[in-house]
Protein backbone atom coordinates (compact mmCIF):
# COMPACT_ATOMS: atom_id res chain seq x y z
CA UNK A 1 3.11 15.18 29.14
CA UNK A 2 0.54 14.35 26.49
CA UNK A 3 1.79 12.37 23.46
CA UNK A 4 1.23 12.87 19.84
CA UNK A 5 0.20 9.51 18.51
CA UNK A 6 1.61 10.21 15.01
CA UNK A 7 4.77 11.62 16.12
CA UNK A 8 5.11 8.44 18.55
CA UNK A 9 4.49 6.23 15.31
CA UNK A 10 7.00 7.98 13.27
CA UNK A 11 9.73 7.58 16.22
CA UNK A 12 9.28 4.07 16.16
CA UNK A 13 9.85 3.91 12.34
CA UNK A 14 13.77 2.88 12.87
CA UNK A 15 12.86 0.21 15.06
CA UNK A 16 12.08 -3.53 13.94
CA UNK A 17 8.37 -4.13 14.73
CA UNK A 18 5.88 -6.79 15.00
CA UNK A 19 1.96 -7.68 15.81
CA UNK A 20 0.32 -10.92 15.87
CA UNK A 21 -1.80 -11.35 12.65
CA UNK A 22 -4.58 -13.19 14.61
CA UNK A 23 -6.15 -14.78 11.44
CA UNK A 24 -5.92 -17.60 9.30
CA UNK A 25 -3.35 -16.72 6.33
CA UNK A 26 -2.67 -18.84 3.17
CA UNK A 27 -0.70 -18.34 0.05
CA UNK A 28 -0.50 -19.88 -3.52
CA UNK A 29 1.72 -20.47 -6.15
CA UNK A 30 0.78 -21.42 -9.74
CA UNK A 31 1.49 -25.07 -8.59
CA UNK A 32 -0.81 -24.89 -5.56
CA UNK A 33 -1.09 -23.89 -1.79
CA UNK A 34 2.31 -23.46 -0.11
CA UNK A 35 1.34 -21.59 3.10
CA UNK A 36 -1.47 -22.29 5.47
CA UNK A 37 -1.02 -20.82 9.11
CA UNK A 38 -2.83 -19.34 12.01
CA UNK A 39 0.52 -18.36 13.43
CA UNK A 40 1.53 -15.28 11.31
CA UNK A 41 3.19 -12.04 12.76
CA UNK A 42 2.82 -9.07 10.81
CA UNK A 43 6.56 -7.41 10.76
CA UNK A 44 7.70 -4.09 9.77
CA UNK A 45 11.58 -3.80 9.21
CA UNK A 46 13.25 -0.82 10.13
CA UNK A 47 12.03 1.95 8.18
CA UNK A 48 9.10 0.04 6.42
CA UNK A 49 5.72 1.92 6.51
CA UNK A 50 3.87 -1.46 5.35
CA UNK A 51 4.09 -4.81 7.10
CA UNK A 52 5.32 -8.01 5.88
CA UNK A 53 4.03 -11.59 6.80
CA UNK A 54 6.45 -13.56 9.09
CA UNK A 55 5.32 -17.41 9.11
CA UNK A 56 6.80 -20.30 10.87
CA UNK A 57 8.73 -22.59 8.43
CA UNK A 58 6.83 -25.52 9.38
CA UNK A 59 3.47 -24.08 8.10
CA UNK A 60 5.23 -23.85 4.41
CA UNK A 61 4.60 -26.53 2.00
CA UNK A 62 8.19 -25.81 0.49
CA UNK A 63 11.73 -26.27 1.19
CA UNK A 64 13.67 -23.44 2.65
CA UNK A 65 16.95 -23.29 1.24
CA UNK A 66 19.86 -20.64 1.96
CA UNK A 67 20.03 -18.30 -0.89
CA UNK A 68 22.69 -17.35 -3.28
CA UNK A 69 20.89 -14.86 -5.02
CA UNK A 70 22.73 -11.42 -5.22
CA UNK A 71 21.90 -8.92 -2.53
CA UNK A 72 19.69 -6.08 -3.57
CA UNK A 73 21.55 -2.76 -5.24
CA UNK A 74 18.89 -0.39 -4.12
CA UNK A 75 20.35 1.26 -0.98
CA UNK A 76 17.54 1.65 2.07
CA UNK A 77 16.17 4.79 2.88
CA UNK A 78 15.02 6.12 6.30
CA UNK A 79 11.11 5.96 5.09
CA UNK A 80 10.27 3.04 2.68
CA UNK A 81 7.13 2.82 1.22
CA UNK A 82 5.88 -0.35 -0.71
CA UNK A 83 7.81 0.73 -3.93
CA UNK A 84 11.04 -0.67 -2.24
CA UNK A 85 11.36 -4.25 -3.02
CA UNK A 86 11.28 -7.00 -0.28
CA UNK A 87 15.01 -7.76 -1.11
CA UNK A 88 15.98 -4.26 0.48
CA UNK A 89 16.47 -5.49 4.13
CA UNK A 90 17.22 -3.27 7.32
CA UNK A 91 17.59 -5.74 9.69
CA UNK A 92 20.35 -8.36 10.32
CA UNK A 93 19.27 -11.79 9.13
CA UNK A 94 19.29 -14.60 6.49
CA UNK A 95 17.94 -14.83 2.77
CA UNK A 96 16.36 -17.97 1.62
CA UNK A 97 14.99 -19.42 -1.50
CA UNK A 98 11.78 -21.22 -1.36
CA UNK A 99 11.44 -24.58 -3.25
CA UNK A 100 8.01 -25.89 -4.11
CA UNK A 101 7.39 -28.72 -6.72
CA UNK A 102 8.79 -27.36 -9.82
CA UNK A 103 8.94 -23.84 -8.89
CA UNK A 104 12.08 -21.79 -7.13
CA UNK A 105 11.53 -18.47 -5.59
CA UNK A 106 14.93 -16.79 -5.11
CA UNK A 107 15.52 -14.93 -1.68
CA UNK A 108 11.68 -15.10 -1.56
CA UNK A 109 12.09 -15.61 2.24
CA UNK A 110 14.20 -13.71 5.08
CA UNK A 111 14.61 -14.79 8.30
CA UNK A 112 15.62 -11.94 11.04
CA UNK A 113 18.12 -12.63 13.74
CA UNK A 114 15.86 -11.09 16.20
CA UNK A 115 14.60 -13.99 18.72
CA UNK A 116 11.28 -12.23 19.63
CA UNK A 117 10.18 -13.24 15.99
CA UNK A 118 10.25 -17.14 17.04
CA UNK A 119 12.28 -18.00 14.03
CA UNK A 120 9.81 -17.22 11.53
CA UNK A 121 10.53 -16.05 7.99
CA UNK A 122 9.49 -13.22 6.50
CA UNK A 123 7.85 -13.69 2.76
CA UNK A 124 7.91 -11.56 -0.29
CA UNK A 125 4.25 -10.84 -1.04
CA UNK A 126 4.76 -10.24 -4.59
CA UNK A 127 6.62 -13.69 -5.24
CA UNK A 128 3.23 -15.37 -4.80
CA UNK A 129 0.10 -15.82 -7.09
CA UNK A 130 -2.30 -15.30 -4.49
CA UNK A 131 -3.00 -14.59 -0.45
CA UNK A 132 -6.00 -15.09 1.58
CA UNK A 133 -6.99 -13.79 4.88
CA UNK A 134 -9.52 -16.11 5.99
CA UNK A 135 -11.28 -16.77 2.58
CA UNK A 136 -10.88 -13.05 1.33
CA UNK A 137 -7.92 -12.29 -0.87
CA UNK A 138 -5.71 -9.62 -0.38
CA UNK A 139 -3.44 -7.58 -2.74
CA UNK A 140 -0.58 -5.41 -2.93
CA UNK A 141 1.00 -5.92 0.70
CA UNK A 142 -0.55 -7.29 3.90
CA UNK A 143 -3.20 -5.14 5.45
CA UNK A 144 -2.01 -2.85 8.71
CA UNK A 145 -4.17 -3.27 11.37
CA UNK A 146 -3.29 0.34 12.61
CA UNK A 147 -4.05 1.82 9.17
CA UNK A 148 -7.55 3.35 8.60
CA UNK A 149 -9.27 4.54 5.51
CA UNK A 150 -12.37 6.76 6.42
CA UNK A 151 -14.60 8.02 3.50
CA UNK A 152 -17.00 10.87 4.46
CA UNK A 153 -19.47 12.81 2.07
CA UNK A 154 -19.54 16.38 2.26
CA UNK A 155 -21.53 19.46 1.10
CA UNK A 156 -18.63 21.54 1.15
CA UNK A 157 -17.81 22.83 -2.43
CA UNK A 158 -14.65 21.74 -3.94
CA UNK A 159 -12.73 21.97 -7.28
CA UNK A 160 -9.46 20.90 -8.51
CA UNK A 161 -7.18 23.11 -11.04
CA UNK A 162 -4.39 22.25 -13.08
CA UNK A 163 -2.18 25.18 -14.31
CA UNK A 164 -5.34 27.31 -14.06
CA UNK A 165 -7.72 24.67 -15.86
CA UNK A 166 -10.61 23.28 -13.91
CA UNK A 167 -10.39 19.80 -13.88
CA UNK A 168 -13.20 18.83 -11.53
CA UNK A 169 -15.89 20.89 -9.50
CA UNK A 170 -18.42 19.72 -6.93
CA UNK A 171 -20.89 20.56 -4.58
CA UNK A 172 -20.81 16.96 -3.20
CA UNK A 173 -17.27 15.67 -2.66
CA UNK A 174 -16.12 12.76 -1.06
CA UNK A 175 -13.42 13.50 1.43
CA UNK A 176 -10.96 10.39 2.21
CA UNK A 177 -8.97 10.46 5.30
CA UNK A 178 -6.18 8.05 5.36
CA UNK A 179 -3.96 7.29 7.97
CA UNK A 180 -0.30 9.17 7.23
CA UNK A 181 -1.71 10.31 3.92
CA UNK A 182 -2.83 13.90 3.00
CA UNK A 183 -6.75 14.22 2.73
CA UNK A 184 -7.88 13.16 -0.70
CA UNK A 185 -11.08 14.67 -2.57
CA UNK A 186 -12.96 12.34 -4.79
CA UNK A 187 -15.20 13.84 -7.21
CA UNK A 188 -18.49 12.29 -8.96
CA UNK A 189 -17.56 11.27 -12.51
CA UNK A 190 -20.26 13.70 -13.76
CA UNK A 191 -18.44 16.65 -12.15
CA UNK A 192 -15.20 15.94 -14.05
CA UNK A 193 -14.10 17.67 -17.21
CA UNK A 194 -13.17 14.50 -19.46
CA UNK A 195 -12.13 16.74 -22.39
CA UNK A 196 -8.95 17.59 -20.53
CA UNK A 197 -8.00 13.86 -19.75
CA UNK A 198 -6.89 10.97 -21.37
CA UNK A 199 -6.60 7.61 -20.23
CA UNK A 200 -3.33 5.70 -19.76
CA UNK A 201 -2.18 2.05 -19.23
CA UNK A 202 -1.17 2.49 -15.45
CA UNK A 203 -3.10 0.58 -13.05
CA UNK A 204 -2.31 0.21 -9.22
CA UNK A 205 -3.48 -1.80 -6.27
CA UNK A 206 -4.49 -0.72 -2.92
CA UNK A 207 -4.92 -3.59 -0.34
CA UNK A 208 -7.67 -1.05 1.34
CA UNK A 209 -9.35 0.01 -1.69
CA UNK A 210 -8.89 -2.12 -4.50
CA UNK A 211 -7.46 -1.67 -8.30
CA UNK A 212 -7.20 1.65 -9.89
CA UNK A 213 -7.08 3.06 -13.25
CA UNK A 214 -5.38 6.40 -14.18
CA UNK A 215 -5.89 9.45 -16.50
CA UNK A 216 -3.30 12.09 -17.79
CA UNK A 217 -3.63 15.84 -18.65
CA UNK A 218 -2.34 15.71 -22.29
CA UNK A 219 0.66 17.40 -23.55
CA UNK A 220 2.57 18.09 -20.25
CA UNK A 221 4.55 15.54 -18.11
CA UNK A 222 3.48 17.11 -14.80
CA UNK A 223 0.05 16.03 -15.56
CA UNK A 224 0.86 12.24 -16.47
CA UNK A 225 -0.92 9.96 -14.51
CA UNK A 226 -2.72 12.93 -12.45
CA UNK A 227 -6.00 11.20 -11.64
CA UNK A 228 -7.28 7.88 -10.85
CA UNK A 229 -10.57 5.88 -10.12
CA UNK A 230 -10.99 2.49 -8.55
CA UNK A 231 -12.63 0.18 -11.00
CA UNK A 232 -12.28 -2.96 -8.80
CA UNK A 233 -13.33 -1.77 -5.37
CA UNK A 234 -13.16 -3.91 -2.20
CA UNK A 235 -16.16 -3.97 -0.02
CA UNK A 236 -14.79 -1.62 2.80
CA UNK A 237 -14.50 1.01 0.29
CA UNK A 238 -17.73 0.72 -1.44
CA UNK A 239 -18.07 4.79 -1.40
CA UNK A 240 -15.63 5.35 -4.07
CA UNK A 241 -17.60 3.79 -6.81
CA UNK A 242 -17.96 6.06 -9.81
CA UNK A 243 -15.66 8.55 -7.94
CA UNK A 244 -12.24 10.37 -9.33
CA UNK A 245 -9.60 11.43 -7.50
CA UNK A 246 -6.52 14.10 -8.34
CA UNK A 247 -3.21 14.37 -6.80
CA UNK A 248 -3.48 17.09 -4.42
CA UNK A 249 0.39 17.58 -4.29
CA UNK A 250 0.28 18.20 -8.23
CA UNK A 251 -2.69 20.23 -8.56
CA UNK A 252 -4.62 23.32 -6.79
CA UNK A 253 -7.52 22.12 -4.63
CA UNK A 254 -10.18 24.51 -3.11
CA UNK A 255 -12.77 23.64 -0.62
CA UNK A 256 -15.37 26.45 0.03
CA UNK A 257 -13.42 28.98 -2.12
CA UNK A 258 -10.22 28.45 -0.10
CA UNK A 259 -6.97 26.87 -1.27
CA UNK A 260 -6.22 23.90 0.55
CA UNK A 261 -2.81 23.48 1.92
CA UNK A 262 -1.46 19.75 1.29
CA UNK A 263 0.19 18.57 4.38
CA UNK A 264 3.06 16.50 3.59
CA UNK A 265 3.59 12.91 4.50
CA UNK A 266 5.11 12.50 7.84
CA UNK A 267 5.05 16.22 8.78
CA UNK A 268 4.12 16.79 12.63
């Protein structure tokens, strides 16, 4: 019987999963380097869709001390995206503080009970000043080796509307196909009606694309942070330069005159 891979992946979501990182991983605090390892694992706690680095304690230039920090007051969910903080753990284990020089990182390490992880500790990505894979900086969260972002130029006409107003229309869209994410349409800047948008202070970081800034449709809460563009772009996503995207879930997107039905995340 044939297996649909996305369904198989989703069925594994409640499990504790890992994969060797197979690269040099380093992390810095303001005071200097505190991790240098070639023996890291990528670990997905049950429910998490993005991985966490797990490293041998011997490769940490920091003391690992049992933590007295209070447990997270946010309850886990069946599906947890990067907005769920590191402190929300879904497998049994022990939380630790990291003490390096004059810095203490409360509950920034967690050792799962599972013996297959070799006594490694998971590290809170956001607690560190900088992360490097080999000599390349990574931001947001560790990159998933099973996650793809494919950008494809197209000649299919596309437009995006919000409450009947056309925000952008182009004959040269860029369609971005990302694992477990609805298809996104990126429009050339010149094909966006900037009279309808106003910049906001919001920024976001994607480990696959870069750092984005946002725009809202003025005068309506539903239009808040509706559009974004990557201002600092990672080499793998260079095609996104000078392109603007809109949340398909909150707009009406038409491709060759046909309204696109947006597939929900994790819909099979």
